């Protein structure tokens, strides 16, 4: 937990320190899930609502030619009850056109591209 907080603190420090020279952008995502489980002809069913709000801060700082420093921090605020606030991405990237190094917590690949993130549960004999 402390490591995650430190990474966010470093990313926030980069955002604040280079605000005059950096291109800083903020965005957010809202996800809401409604789950309905019930059998045909049954008088009762189970419905649950959950989701999350993702707040992102991105900074891009370009220095002397093709050298660069980028940073990102993502705060996750769940909308379901009993869930706790968390961090999704928190990283700093240093480099140039030949090589770069990304340090922190980040996704290795886009595992859930838009329109392909559907989960189908077993439907019995159907």
C-alpha atoms as a PDB file:
ATOM      1  CA  UNK A   1       0.000   0.000   0.000  1.00  0.00           C
ATOM      2  CA  UNK A   2       2.777   2.440   0.887  1.00  0.00           C
ATOM      3  CA  UNK A   3       4.563   1.722  -2.395  1.00  0.00           C
ATOM      4  CA  UNK A   4       1.430   2.599  -4.353  1.00  0.00           C
ATOM      5  CA  UNK A   5       0.978   5.824  -2.418  1.00  0.00           C
ATOM      6  CA  UNK A   6       4.625   6.762  -3.032  1.00  0.00           C
ATOM      7  CA  UNK A   7       4.287   6.148  -6.779  1.00  0.00           C
ATOM      8  CA  UNK A   8       1.216   8.362  -6.905  1.00  0.00           C
ATOM      9  CA  UNK A   9       3.081  11.005  -4.898  1.00  0.00           C
ATOM     10  CA  UNK A  10       5.986  10.915  -7.366  1.00  0.00           C
ATOM     11  CA  UNK A  11       3.617  11.152 -10.342  1.00  0.00           C
ATOM     12  CA  UNK A  12       1.770  14.053  -8.689  1.00  0.00           C
ATOM     13  CA  UNK A  13       5.095  15.791  -7.983  1.00  0.00           C
ATOM     14  CA  UNK A  14       6.043  15.460 -11.645  1.00  0.00           C
ATOM     15  CA  UNK A  15       2.687  16.884 -12.666  1.00  0.00           C
ATOM     16  CA  UNK A  16       3.056  19.840 -10.318  1.00  0.00           C
ATOM     17  CA  UNK A  17       6.764  20.522 -10.966  1.00  0.00           C
ATOM     18  CA  UNK A  18       6.494  20.573 -14.718  1.00  0.00           C
ATOM     19  CA  UNK A  19       3.076  22.179 -15.010  1.00  0.00           C
ATOM     20  CA  UNK A  20       4.497  25.252 -16.741  1.00  0.00           C
ATOM     21  CA  UNK A  21       6.267  23.144 -19.386  1.00  0.00           C
ATOM     22  CA  UNK A  22       4.254  19.939 -19.466  1.00  0.00           C
ATOM     23  CA  UNK A  23       1.130  19.086 -21.342  1.00  0.00           C
ATOM     24  CA  UNK A  24      -1.162  17.933 -18.531  1.00  0.00           C
ATOM     25  CA  UNK A  25      -4.499  16.310 -19.280  1.00  0.00           C
ATOM     26  CA  UNK A  26      -7.228  14.950 -17.052  1.00  0.00           C
ATOM     27  CA  UNK A  27      -9.969  12.521 -18.001  1.00  0.00           C
ATOM     28  CA  UNK A  28     -12.415  10.149 -16.372  1.00  0.00           C
ATOM     29  CA  UNK A  29     -14.268   6.932 -17.148  1.00  0.00           C
ATOM     30  CA  UNK A  30     -17.562   5.832 -15.635  1.00  0.00           C
ATOM     31  CA  UNK A  31     -18.470   2.145 -15.697  1.00  0.00           C
ATOM     32  CA  UNK A  32     -21.739   0.746 -14.377  1.00  0.00           C
ATOM     33  CA  UNK A  33     -22.576  -2.958 -14.300  1.00  0.00           C
ATOM     34  CA  UNK A  34     -26.016  -4.466 -13.755  1.00  0.00           C
ATOM     35  CA  UNK A  35     -26.072  -8.224 -13.198  1.00  0.00           C
ATOM     36  CA  UNK A  36     -29.333 -10.175 -13.326  1.00  0.00           C
ATOM     37  CA  UNK A  37     -29.434 -13.885 -12.526  1.00  0.00           C
ATOM     38  CA  UNK A  38     -32.644 -15.853 -12.552  1.00  0.00           C
ATOM     39  CA  UNK A  39     -34.200 -18.969 -14.011  1.00  0.00           C
ATOM     40  CA  UNK A  40     -37.071 -18.959 -16.434  1.00  0.00           C
ATOM     41  CA  UNK A  41     -40.357 -19.281 -14.565  1.00  0.00           C
ATOM     42  CA  UNK A  42     -38.786 -18.580 -11.162  1.00  0.00           C
ATOM     43  CA  UNK A  43     -40.537 -16.128  -8.852  1.00  0.00           C
ATOM     44  CA  UNK A  44     -37.329 -14.654  -7.441  1.00  0.00           C
ATOM     45  CA  UNK A  45     -34.094 -13.459  -8.989  1.00  0.00           C
ATOM     46  CA  UNK A  46     -30.869 -11.795  -7.970  1.00  0.00           C
ATOM     47  CA  UNK A  47     -29.915  -8.373  -9.285  1.00  0.00           C
ATOM     48  CA  UNK A  48     -26.756  -6.510  -8.365  1.00  0.00           C
ATOM     49  CA  UNK A  49     -25.375  -3.110  -9.323  1.00  0.00           C
ATOM     50  CA  UNK A  50     -21.701  -2.221  -9.274  1.00  0.00           C
ATOM     51  CA  UNK A  51     -19.200  -0.173 -11.178  1.00  0.00           C
ATOM     52  CA  UNK A  52     -16.407   2.344 -10.808  1.00  0.00           C
ATOM     53  CA  UNK A  53     -15.257   5.847 -11.588  1.00  0.00           C
ATOM     54  CA  UNK A  54     -11.708   6.112 -12.930  1.00  0.00           C
ATOM     55  CA  UNK A  55      -9.958   9.488 -12.666  1.00  0.00           C
ATOM     56  CA  UNK A  56      -6.786   9.855 -14.782  1.00  0.00           C
ATOM     57  CA  UNK A  57      -4.005  12.447 -14.778  1.00  0.00           C
ATOM     58  CA  UNK A  58      -1.487  12.333 -17.647  1.00  0.00           C
ATOM     59  CA  UNK A  59       1.615  14.506 -18.044  1.00  0.00           C
ATOM     60  CA  UNK A  60       3.974  14.705 -21.009  1.00  0.00           C
ATOM     61  CA  UNK A  61       7.194  16.690 -20.586  1.00  0.00           C
ATOM     62  CA  UNK A  62       9.553  16.967 -23.564  1.00  0.00           C
ATOM     63  CA  UNK A  63      13.181  17.976 -22.894  1.00  0.00           C
ATOM     64  CA  UNK A  64      16.063  18.847 -25.251  1.00  0.00           C
ATOM     65  CA  UNK A  65      15.323  17.210 -28.552  1.00  0.00           C
ATOM     66  CA  UNK A  66      13.830  13.745 -28.465  1.00  0.00           C
ATOM     67  CA  UNK A  67      14.304  13.054 -24.725  1.00  0.00           C
ATOM     68  CA  UNK A  68      11.058  12.815 -22.803  1.00  0.00           C
ATOM     69  CA  UNK A  69       9.440  12.180 -19.435  1.00  0.00           C
ATOM     70  CA  UNK A  70       5.822  10.982 -19.177  1.00  0.00           C
ATOM     71  CA  UNK A  71       3.738  10.190 -16.106  1.00  0.00           C
ATOM     72  CA  UNK A  72       0.267   8.820 -15.411  1.00  0.00           C
ATOM     73  CA  UNK A  73      -1.795   8.281 -12.278  1.00  0.00           C
ATOM     74  CA  UNK A  74      -5.248   6.634 -12.167  1.00  0.00           C
ATOM     75  CA  UNK A  75      -7.503   6.681  -9.126  1.00  0.00           C
ATOM     76  CA  UNK A  76     -10.318   4.108  -8.972  1.00  0.00           C
ATOM     77  CA  UNK A  77     -13.431   4.948  -6.933  1.00  0.00           C
ATOM     78  CA  UNK A  78     -15.879   1.999  -6.800  1.00  0.00           C
ATOM     79  CA  UNK A  79     -19.621   2.655  -6.845  1.00  0.00           C
ATOM     80  CA  UNK A  80     -20.535  -0.631  -5.148  1.00  0.00           C
ATOM     81  CA  UNK A  81     -20.932  -0.941  -1.409  1.00  0.00           C
ATOM     82  CA  UNK A  82     -18.077  -2.372   0.619  1.00  0.00           C
ATOM     83  CA  UNK A  83     -15.411  -1.703  -2.012  1.00  0.00           C
ATOM     84  CA  UNK A  84     -12.374   0.447  -1.276  1.00  0.00           C
ATOM     85  CA  UNK A  85     -10.680   3.162  -3.311  1.00  0.00           C
ATOM     86  CA  UNK A  86      -7.681   1.896  -5.264  1.00  0.00           C
ATOM     87  CA  UNK A  87      -5.035   2.754  -7.830  1.00  0.00           C
ATOM     88  CA  UNK A  88      -5.022   1.281 -11.332  1.00  0.00           C
ATOM     89  CA  UNK A  89      -2.043   2.876 -13.098  1.00  0.00           C
ATOM     90  CA  UNK A  90       0.765   4.890 -11.511  1.00  0.00           C
ATOM     91  CA  UNK A  91       3.934   5.124 -13.582  1.00  0.00           C
ATOM     92  CA  UNK A  92       6.759   7.315 -14.822  1.00  0.00           C
ATOM     93  CA  UNK A  93       8.410   6.831 -18.213  1.00  0.00           C
ATOM     94  CA  UNK A  94      11.839   8.201 -19.184  1.00  0.00           C
ATOM     95  CA  UNK A  95      13.506   7.872 -22.566  1.00  0.00           C
ATOM     96  CA  UNK A  96      14.222   9.089 -26.071  1.00  0.00           C
ATOM     97  CA  UNK A  97      13.545   7.860 -29.608  1.00  0.00           C
ATOM     98  CA  UNK A  98      15.999   4.944 -29.205  1.00  0.00           C
ATOM     99  CA  UNK A  99      14.945   3.488 -25.826  1.00  0.00           C
ATOM    100  CA  UNK A 100      12.741   4.168 -22.823  1.00  0.00           C
ATOM    101  CA  UNK A 101      12.088   2.878 -19.317  1.00  0.00           C
ATOM    102  CA  UNK A 102       8.662   2.722 -17.667  1.00  0.00           C
ATOM    103  CA  UNK A 103       8.667   2.351 -13.867  1.00  0.00           C
ATOM    104  CA  UNK A 104       5.604   1.767 -11.707  1.00  0.00           C
ATOM    105  CA  UNK A 105       2.307  -0.040 -11.937  1.00  0.00           C
ATOM    106  CA  UNK A 106       0.884  -0.239 -15.459  1.00  0.00           C
ATOM    107  CA  UNK A 107      -1.006  -2.533 -17.774  1.00  0.00           C
ATOM    108  CA  UNK A 108       1.218  -4.594 -20.048  1.00  0.00           C
ATOM    109  CA  UNK A 109      -1.381  -4.826 -22.812  1.00  0.00           C
ATOM    110  CA  UNK A 110      -4.914  -3.734 -23.571  1.00  0.00           C
ATOM    111  CA  UNK A 111      -6.678  -6.934 -22.522  1.00  0.00           C
ATOM    112  CA  UNK A 112     -10.188  -5.493 -22.824  1.00  0.00           C
ATOM    113  CA  UNK A 113     -10.497  -3.563 -26.090  1.00  0.00           C
ATOM    114  CA  UNK A 114     -13.698  -1.626 -26.638  1.00  0.00           C
ATOM    115  CA  UNK A 115     -16.551  -3.870 -27.707  1.00  0.00           C
ATOM    116  CA  UNK A 116     -14.720  -7.105 -26.846  1.00  0.00           C
ATOM    117  CA  UNK A 117     -14.961  -7.091 -23.046  1.00  0.00           C
ATOM    118  CA  UNK A 118     -18.089  -9.228 -22.715  1.00  0.00           C
ATOM    119  CA  UNK A 119     -18.243 -12.185 -20.314  1.00  0.00           C
ATOM    120  CA  UNK A 120     -20.707 -14.973 -21.112  1.00  0.00           C
ATOM    121  CA  UNK A 121     -21.410 -17.370 -18.252  1.00  0.00           C
ATOM    122  CA  UNK A 122     -22.452 -20.983 -18.753  1.00  0.00           C
ATOM    123  CA  UNK A 123     -26.152 -21.158 -19.572  1.00  0.00           C
ATOM    124  CA  UNK A 124     -26.783 -24.750 -18.582  1.00  0.00           C
ATOM    125  CA  UNK A 125     -27.869 -26.946 -21.486  1.00  0.00           C
ATOM    126  CA  UNK A 126     -28.489 -24.055 -23.873  1.00  0.00           C
END
